[in-house]
Amino acid sequence: MNIKTLGLPLAVAAFLALAGCATPTVVTLQNGTQYLTKDMPKTKTKDGFFEFEDISGAKVKVKADEVSTIRQED
């Protein structure tokens, strides 16, 4: 087998393996608002915010002081 024949199946396998690494997470704010995210939010930025993308694809940026909990979805 040559490289071209092996390349596509290996690329597909790598993509599927990476797609399975997402960790759905629930971000709960002090006021009770909950966001379901596709993956664990980025750590707190230098300006004191958490940034993440919710499951609808909207980018969310909240002050770290407003976040109550961040936990993996059960």
Protein backbone atom coordinates (compact mmCIF):
# COMPACT_ATOMS: atom_id res chain seq x y z
CA MET A 1 0.00 0.00 0.00
CA ASN A 2 1.18 3.48 -0.71
CA ILE A 3 0.94 6.61 1.40
CA LYS A 4 -2.12 8.00 -0.43
CA THR A 5 -4.09 4.84 0.25
CA LEU A 6 -3.30 4.94 3.98
CA GLY A 7 -3.55 8.71 4.40
CA LEU A 8 -7.32 9.14 4.21
CA PRO A 9 -8.27 6.33 6.63
CA LEU A 10 -5.65 7.51 9.12
CA ALA A 11 -6.89 11.10 8.89
CA VAL A 12 -10.49 9.98 9.46
CA ALA A 13 -9.47 7.84 12.45
CA ALA A 14 -7.52 10.75 13.98
CA PHE A 15 -10.48 13.12 13.50
CA LEU A 16 -12.89 10.68 15.15
CA ALA A 17 -10.52 10.15 18.07
CA LEU A 18 -10.23 13.89 18.66
CA ALA A 19 -13.98 14.40 18.32
CA GLY A 20 -14.52 11.96 21.18
CA CYS A 21 -12.38 14.06 23.53
CA ALA A 22 -14.99 16.76 24.10
CA THR A 23 -16.18 17.03 27.69
CA PRO A 24 -19.67 18.54 28.01
CA THR A 25 -19.59 20.95 30.94
CA VAL A 26 -22.18 22.92 32.93
CA VAL A 27 -21.21 26.44 33.96
CA THR A 28 -23.46 27.81 36.71
CA LEU A 29 -23.50 31.51 37.55
CA GLN A 30 -24.22 33.10 40.92
CA ASN A 31 -27.71 34.12 39.72
CA GLY A 32 -28.60 30.51 38.81
CA THR A 33 -28.12 30.82 35.04
CA GLN A 34 -26.62 27.65 33.58
CA TYR A 35 -24.70 27.26 30.34
CA LEU A 36 -24.10 23.87 28.74
CA THR A 37 -20.81 23.91 26.86
CA LYS A 38 -19.28 21.55 24.33
CA ASP A 39 -16.00 21.44 26.19
CA MET A 40 -14.35 22.66 29.40
CA PRO A 41 -14.13 26.50 29.40
CA LYS A 42 -10.78 28.18 29.00
CA THR A 43 -9.17 29.09 32.28
CA LYS A 44 -9.69 32.55 33.66
CA THR A 45 -8.11 35.19 31.42
CA LYS A 46 -5.82 37.96 32.60
CA ASP A 47 -8.73 40.40 32.63
CA GLY A 48 -10.73 38.12 34.98
CA PHE A 49 -13.19 36.47 32.57
CA PHE A 50 -14.07 32.92 31.57
CA GLU A 51 -14.62 32.41 27.83
CA PHE A 52 -16.49 29.47 26.32
CA GLU A 53 -18.86 28.44 23.55
CA ASP A 54 -22.27 27.10 24.50
CA ILE A 55 -23.91 24.17 22.71
CA SER A 56 -25.73 26.50 20.30
CA GLY A 57 -22.37 27.89 19.16
CA ALA A 58 -22.68 31.29 20.86
CA LYS A 59 -19.50 32.69 22.37
CA VAL A 60 -19.95 33.59 26.04
CA LYS A 61 -17.67 35.70 28.22
CA VAL A 62 -18.52 36.07 31.92
CA LYS A 63 -16.70 37.64 34.83
CA ALA A 64 -15.00 35.05 37.02
CA ASP A 65 -16.68 36.58 40.07
CA GLU A 66 -20.09 35.67 38.61
CA VAL A 67 -19.25 31.97 38.15
CA SER A 68 -20.49 29.70 40.92
CA THR A 69 -19.44 26.26 39.63
CA ILE A 70 -17.95 24.57 36.58
CA ARG A 71 -18.54 20.83 36.45
CA GLN A 72 -18.63 18.04 33.91
CA GLU A 73 -22.09 17.03 32.80
CA ASP A 74 -23.24 13.69 34.22
